[in-house]
Amino acid sequence: MEKTEKPEEKPEEAVQRVSEALREAIRRQKTSQRQIERVLGQGKGYLSQLLGGNVDLKLKHVFAVLEVLGLAADEFFLGIYGRSDAVAVKSQAQRELEELKDRVARLEKKVGLDPEPTSKL
């Protein structure tokens, strides 16, 4: 029996799937979008813009909202993608986090700051 691979999800489809899952998570937590915006230090309408596709949805945005909601990112992605796809998303997120850490370290060095040994992103 020949194994068939599922078709690759288009980026727009992935963004829509994640946006819908975030909306549902917000609804389940009984938290208003405005409350989340305040915690994130964003203006009114930010989440509507983000979830409506008017602002590029990036992993850092998803992680920030999940953190405000008190939800684990791995469980969130497992819920919408299943195990194998969630592992790929987690790997991508870890790579992006490492890139951000490297960028922060380079910027700190460039401006003459000593990086804090326990700094967290």
N, C-alpha and C. Protein backbone atom coordinates (compact mmCIF):
# COMPACT_ATOMS: atom_id res chain seq x y z
N MET A 1 0.84 -1.18 0.00
CA MET A 1 0.00 0.00 0.00
C MET A 1 0.89 1.24 0.00
N GLU A 2 0.67 2.12 -0.90
CA GLU A 2 1.49 3.32 -1.06
C GLU A 2 1.04 4.40 -0.08
N LYS A 3 2.02 5.01 0.58
CA LYS A 3 1.71 6.08 1.54
C LYS A 3 1.52 7.38 0.78
N THR A 4 0.42 8.05 1.06
CA THR A 4 0.18 9.34 0.42
C THR A 4 0.43 10.45 1.42
N GLU A 5 1.10 11.49 0.96
CA GLU A 5 1.37 12.64 1.81
C GLU A 5 0.23 13.62 1.67
N LYS A 6 -0.11 14.27 2.79
CA LYS A 6 -1.15 15.28 2.69
C LYS A 6 -0.56 16.51 2.00
N PRO A 7 -1.40 17.22 1.28
CA PRO A 7 -0.89 18.39 0.56
C PRO A 7 -0.37 19.45 1.53
N GLU A 8 0.65 20.16 1.09
CA GLU A 8 1.25 21.23 1.89
C GLU A 8 0.22 22.34 2.10
N GLU A 9 0.11 22.79 3.33
CA GLU A 9 -0.81 23.88 3.64
C GLU A 9 -0.20 25.20 3.18
N LYS A 10 -1.00 26.00 2.49
CA LYS A 10 -0.54 27.30 2.03
C LYS A 10 -0.39 28.22 3.23
N PRO A 11 0.56 29.17 3.18
CA PRO A 11 0.75 30.08 4.32
C PRO A 11 -0.53 30.80 4.73
N GLU A 12 -1.32 31.24 3.76
CA GLU A 12 -2.56 31.95 4.10
C GLU A 12 -3.53 31.04 4.86
N GLU A 13 -3.54 29.76 4.48
CA GLU A 13 -4.41 28.80 5.16
C GLU A 13 -3.93 28.55 6.59
N ALA A 14 -2.62 28.48 6.75
CA ALA A 14 -2.06 28.27 8.09
C ALA A 14 -2.37 29.47 8.98
N VAL A 15 -2.21 30.67 8.45
CA VAL A 15 -2.50 31.88 9.23
C VAL A 15 -3.97 31.91 9.62
N GLN A 16 -4.84 31.56 8.68
CA GLN A 16 -6.27 31.55 8.98
C GLN A 16 -6.60 30.51 10.05
N ARG A 17 -6.00 29.34 9.95
CA ARG A 17 -6.25 28.28 10.93
C ARG A 17 -5.80 28.72 12.33
N VAL A 18 -4.61 29.31 12.41
CA VAL A 18 -4.09 29.76 13.70
C VAL A 18 -4.93 30.92 14.24
N SER A 19 -5.31 31.85 13.38
CA SER A 19 -6.14 32.98 13.80
C SER A 19 -7.46 32.50 14.37
N GLU A 20 -8.10 31.56 13.69
CA GLU A 20 -9.37 31.03 14.17
C GLU A 20 -9.20 30.31 15.50
N ALA A 21 -8.12 29.56 15.64
CA ALA A 21 -7.86 28.86 16.90
C ALA A 21 -7.59 29.86 18.03
N LEU A 22 -6.90 30.96 17.73
CA LEU A 22 -6.66 31.99 18.74
C LEU A 22 -7.98 32.65 19.17
N ARG A 23 -8.83 32.96 18.19
CA ARG A 23 -10.14 33.54 18.51
C ARG A 23 -10.93 32.62 19.44
N GLU A 24 -10.89 31.33 19.12
CA GLU A 24 -11.61 30.34 19.95
C GLU A 24 -10.99 30.26 21.35
N ALA A 25 -9.67 30.30 21.43
CA ALA A 25 -9.00 30.24 22.74
C ALA A 25 -9.37 31.47 23.58
N ILE A 26 -9.42 32.63 22.95
CA ILE A 26 -9.81 33.86 23.65
C ILE A 26 -11.25 33.73 24.16
N ARG A 27 -12.12 33.22 23.31
CA ARG A 27 -13.53 33.05 23.69
C ARG A 27 -13.66 32.08 24.86
N ARG A 28 -12.96 30.96 24.80
CA ARG A 28 -13.03 29.95 25.88
C ARG A 28 -12.51 30.49 27.20
N GLN A 29 -11.49 31.35 27.14
CA GLN A 29 -10.91 31.91 28.36
C GLN A 29 -11.78 33.03 28.93
N LYS A 30 -12.80 33.42 28.17
CA LYS A 30 -13.71 34.50 28.59
C LYS A 30 -12.93 35.78 28.89
N THR A 31 -12.00 36.06 27.98
CA THR A 31 -11.18 37.27 28.08
C THR A 31 -11.50 38.14 26.88
N SER A 32 -11.62 39.43 27.12
CA SER A 32 -11.91 40.32 26.00
C SER A 32 -10.61 40.62 25.24
N GLN A 33 -10.78 40.92 23.96
CA GLN A 33 -9.62 41.29 23.16
C GLN A 33 -8.97 42.54 23.75
N ARG A 34 -9.78 43.44 24.25
CA ARG A 34 -9.24 44.69 24.82
C ARG A 34 -8.38 44.40 26.05
N GLN A 35 -8.79 43.44 26.89
CA GLN A 35 -7.98 43.08 28.05
C GLN A 35 -6.61 42.56 27.61
N ILE A 36 -6.61 41.74 26.58
CA ILE A 36 -5.35 41.19 26.07
C ILE A 36 -4.49 42.31 25.49
N GLU A 37 -5.11 43.21 24.76
CA GLU A 37 -4.38 44.33 24.17
C GLU A 37 -3.72 45.17 25.26
N ARG A 38 -4.43 45.40 26.35
CA ARG A 38 -3.85 46.19 27.45
C ARG A 38 -2.63 45.51 28.04
N VAL A 39 -2.74 44.20 28.29
CA VAL A 39 -1.63 43.46 28.87
C VAL A 39 -0.42 43.48 27.92
N LEU A 40 -0.70 43.41 26.63
CA LEU A 40 0.38 43.42 25.63
C LEU A 40 0.91 44.82 25.36
N GLY A 41 0.24 45.84 25.91
CA GLY A 41 0.66 47.21 25.68
C GLY A 41 0.32 47.69 24.28
N GLN A 42 -0.74 47.15 23.72
CA GLN A 42 -1.16 47.50 22.36
C GLN A 42 -2.43 48.35 22.41
N GLY A 43 -2.66 49.09 21.36
CA GLY A 43 -3.83 49.94 21.26
C GLY A 43 -5.09 49.15 20.95
N LYS A 44 -6.21 49.84 21.10
CA LYS A 44 -7.51 49.25 20.82
C LYS A 44 -7.58 48.85 19.35
N GLY A 45 -8.05 47.65 19.11
CA GLY A 45 -8.20 47.17 17.75
C GLY A 45 -7.02 46.35 17.25
N TYR A 46 -5.94 46.29 18.03
CA TYR A 46 -4.74 45.54 17.60
C TYR A 46 -5.07 44.08 17.29
N LEU A 47 -5.77 43.42 18.22
CA LEU A 47 -6.07 42.00 18.00
C LEU A 47 -7.02 41.80 16.83
N SER A 48 -7.97 42.69 16.66
CA SER A 48 -8.86 42.59 15.50
C SER A 48 -8.07 42.68 14.21
N GLN A 49 -7.12 43.60 14.17
CA GLN A 49 -6.26 43.75 12.99
C GLN A 49 -5.42 42.49 12.78
N LEU A 50 -4.85 41.98 13.86
CA LEU A 50 -3.98 40.81 13.80
C LEU A 50 -4.76 39.58 13.37
N LEU A 51 -5.86 39.32 14.04
CA LEU A 51 -6.65 38.12 13.75
C LEU A 51 -7.43 38.25 12.45
N GLY A 52 -7.65 39.46 12.00
CA GLY A 52 -8.35 39.68 10.74
C GLY A 52 -7.45 39.64 9.53
N GLY A 53 -6.16 39.47 9.74
CA GLY A 53 -5.23 39.37 8.64
C GLY A 53 -4.71 40.70 8.12
N ASN A 54 -5.01 41.79 8.83
CA ASN A 54 -4.55 43.11 8.39
C ASN A 54 -3.12 43.40 8.85
N VAL A 55 -2.62 42.59 9.77
CA VAL A 55 -1.24 42.67 10.26
C VAL A 55 -0.68 41.27 10.10
N ASP A 56 0.57 41.15 9.65
CA ASP A 56 1.18 39.83 9.49
C ASP A 56 1.23 39.11 10.84
N LEU A 57 0.59 37.96 10.91
CA LEU A 57 0.60 37.15 12.12
C LEU A 57 1.89 36.36 12.16
N LYS A 58 2.68 36.58 13.20
CA LYS A 58 3.95 35.88 13.38
C LYS A 58 3.87 35.04 14.64
N LEU A 59 4.78 34.09 14.76
CA LEU A 59 4.79 33.23 15.94
C LEU A 59 4.92 34.05 17.22
N LYS A 60 5.70 35.12 17.19
CA LYS A 60 5.87 35.92 18.40
C LYS A 60 4.54 36.51 18.85
N HIS A 61 3.66 36.86 17.89
CA HIS A 61 2.34 37.37 18.25
C HIS A 61 1.50 36.27 18.90
N VAL A 62 1.53 35.10 18.30
CA VAL A 62 0.76 33.97 18.83
C VAL A 62 1.23 33.65 20.24
N PHE A 63 2.56 33.56 20.43
CA PHE A 63 3.10 33.24 21.75
C PHE A 63 2.73 34.29 22.79
N ALA A 64 2.74 35.55 22.40
CA ALA A 64 2.39 36.62 23.34
C ALA A 64 0.94 36.49 23.78
N VAL A 65 0.04 36.25 22.85
CA VAL A 65 -1.37 36.10 23.20
C VAL A 65 -1.58 34.87 24.07
N LEU A 66 -0.94 33.77 23.70
CA LEU A 66 -1.06 32.54 24.49
C LEU A 66 -0.55 32.74 25.91
N GLU A 67 0.54 33.49 26.05
CA GLU A 67 1.08 33.76 27.38
C GLU A 67 0.08 34.55 28.22
N VAL A 68 -0.54 35.56 27.62
CA VAL A 68 -1.55 36.35 28.34
C VAL A 68 -2.71 35.45 28.76
N LEU A 69 -3.09 34.52 27.90
CA LEU A 69 -4.20 33.62 28.20
C LEU A 69 -3.81 32.51 29.17
N GLY A 70 -2.50 32.35 29.39
CA GLY A 70 -2.04 31.29 30.29
C GLY A 70 -2.10 29.91 29.64
N LEU A 71 -1.98 29.88 28.32
CA LEU A 71 -2.04 28.62 27.59
C LEU A 71 -0.65 28.21 27.10
N ALA A 72 -0.40 26.92 27.12
CA ALA A 72 0.88 26.38 26.64
C ALA A 72 0.87 26.33 25.12
N ALA A 73 1.92 26.85 24.51
CA ALA A 73 2.00 26.89 23.04
C ALA A 73 1.97 25.49 22.44
N ASP A 74 2.66 24.54 23.07
CA ASP A 74 2.69 23.20 22.48
C ASP A 74 1.30 22.58 22.45
N GLU A 75 0.52 22.77 23.52
CA GLU A 75 -0.83 22.23 23.54
C GLU A 75 -1.72 22.93 22.52
N PHE A 76 -1.54 24.24 22.37
CA PHE A 76 -2.31 25.00 21.41
C PHE A 76 -2.07 24.46 19.99
N PHE A 77 -0.80 24.31 19.61
CA PHE A 77 -0.49 23.83 18.27
C PHE A 77 -0.84 22.37 18.08
N LEU A 78 -0.71 21.55 19.13
CA LEU A 78 -1.16 20.16 19.02
C LEU A 78 -2.65 20.10 18.73
N GLY A 79 -3.40 21.00 19.35
CA GLY A 79 -4.85 21.03 19.16
C GLY A 79 -5.25 21.36 17.73
N ILE A 80 -4.46 22.16 17.04
CA ILE A 80 -4.86 22.54 15.68
C ILE A 80 -4.11 21.81 14.58
N TYR A 81 -2.96 21.23 14.89
CA TYR A 81 -2.18 20.58 13.85
C TYR A 81 -1.95 19.09 14.06
N GLY A 82 -2.08 18.61 15.25
CA GLY A 82 -1.71 17.23 15.51
C GLY A 82 -0.23 17.14 15.83
N ARG A 83 0.20 16.01 16.26
CA ARG A 83 1.56 15.85 16.79
C ARG A 83 2.67 16.17 15.78
N SER A 84 2.67 15.58 14.62
CA SER A 84 3.81 15.75 13.71
C SER A 84 3.94 17.19 13.23
N ASP A 85 2.82 17.83 12.92
CA ASP A 85 2.88 19.22 12.48
C ASP A 85 3.26 20.15 13.63
N ALA A 86 2.78 19.86 14.83
CA ALA A 86 3.09 20.70 15.99
C ALA A 86 4.58 20.64 16.31
N VAL A 87 5.19 19.48 16.14
CA VAL A 87 6.63 19.34 16.37
C VAL A 87 7.39 20.22 15.38
N ALA A 88 6.95 20.25 14.14
CA ALA A 88 7.61 21.09 13.13
C ALA A 88 7.46 22.57 13.48
N VAL A 89 6.27 22.97 13.93
CA VAL A 89 6.05 24.36 14.32
C VAL A 89 6.91 24.72 15.52
N LYS A 90 7.00 23.81 16.49
CA LYS A 90 7.82 24.06 17.67
C LYS A 90 9.29 24.20 17.29
N SER A 91 9.76 23.36 16.37
CA SER A 91 11.15 23.46 15.91
C SER A 91 11.41 24.80 15.25
N GLN A 92 10.47 25.23 14.41
CA GLN A 92 10.60 26.53 13.75
C GLN A 92 10.62 27.65 14.79
N ALA A 93 9.75 27.56 15.79
CA ALA A 93 9.70 28.58 16.83
C ALA A 93 11.01 28.62 17.62
N GLN A 94 11.57 27.45 17.90
CA GLN A 94 12.84 27.41 18.63
C GLN A 94 13.96 28.04 17.80
N ARG A 95 13.96 27.79 16.50
CA ARG A 95 14.96 28.42 15.64
C ARG A 95 14.80 29.93 15.64
N GLU A 96 13.55 30.40 15.53
CA GLU A 96 13.30 31.84 15.54
C GLU A 96 13.71 32.46 16.88
N LEU A 97 13.47 31.76 17.97
CA LEU A 97 13.86 32.26 19.29
C LEU A 97 15.38 32.38 19.38
N GLU A 98 16.09 31.38 18.90
CA GLU A 98 17.56 31.43 18.92
C GLU A 98 18.08 32.58 18.06
N GLU A 99 17.45 32.79 16.90
CA GLU A 99 17.84 33.90 16.05
C GLU A 99 17.62 35.24 16.75
N LEU A 100 16.50 35.35 17.46
CA LEU A 100 16.22 36.58 18.21
C LEU A 100 17.24 36.80 19.33
N LYS A 101 17.59 35.72 20.02
CA LYS A 101 18.59 35.83 21.08
C LYS A 101 19.94 36.29 20.51
N ASP A 102 20.31 35.71 19.37
CA ASP A 102 21.56 36.11 18.72
C ASP A 102 21.51 37.58 18.32
N ARG A 103 20.39 37.99 17.78
CA ARG A 103 20.23 39.39 17.35
C ARG A 103 20.33 40.34 18.54
N VAL A 104 19.69 39.98 19.64
CA VAL A 104 19.76 40.81 20.85
C VAL A 104 21.19 40.90 21.34
N ALA A 105 21.89 39.77 21.36
CA ALA A 105 23.28 39.77 21.81
C ALA A 105 24.15 40.66 20.93
N ARG A 106 23.94 40.58 19.61
CA ARG A 106 24.72 41.43 18.69
C ARG A 106 24.41 42.90 18.92
N LEU A 107 23.14 43.22 19.11
CA LEU A 107 22.75 44.62 19.36
C LEU A 107 23.32 45.12 20.68
N GLU A 108 23.29 44.28 21.71
CA GLU A 108 23.85 44.67 23.00
C GLU A 108 25.34 44.95 22.87
N LYS A 109 26.01 44.09 22.11
CA LYS A 109 27.45 44.27 21.90
C LYS A 109 27.72 45.56 21.13
N LYS A 110 26.88 45.79 20.12
CA LYS A 110 27.05 46.98 19.27
C LYS A 110 26.88 48.27 20.06
N VAL A 111 25.95 48.30 21.00
CA VAL A 111 25.72 49.52 21.78
C VAL A 111 26.53 49.54 23.08
N GLY A 112 27.33 48.49 23.29
CA GLY A 112 28.22 48.48 24.44
C GLY A 112 27.60 48.00 25.74
N LEU A 113 26.52 47.24 25.65
CA LEU A 113 25.90 46.69 26.85
C LEU A 113 26.45 45.30 27.10
N ASP A 114 26.65 44.98 28.38
CA ASP A 114 27.02 43.63 28.72
C ASP A 114 25.75 42.81 28.82
N PRO A 115 25.67 41.73 28.07
CA PRO A 115 24.45 40.91 28.16
C PRO A 115 24.31 40.34 29.56
N GLU A 116 23.07 40.36 30.03
CA GLU A 116 22.82 39.80 31.36
C GLU A 116 22.85 38.29 31.27
N PRO A 117 23.54 37.62 32.21
CA PRO A 117 23.66 36.16 32.12
C PRO A 117 22.33 35.44 32.25
N THR A 118 21.35 36.05 32.90
CA THR A 118 20.06 35.38 33.09
C THR A 118 18.96 36.04 32.28
N SER A 119 19.33 36.79 31.23
CA SER A 119 18.29 37.49 30.47
C SER A 119 17.40 36.48 29.77
N LYS A 120 16.11 36.82 29.72
CA LYS A 120 15.12 35.96 29.07
C LYS A 120 14.42 36.76 27.99
N LEU A 121 14.02 36.06 26.94
CA LEU A 121 13.20 36.67 25.88
C LEU A 121 11.80 36.20 26.03
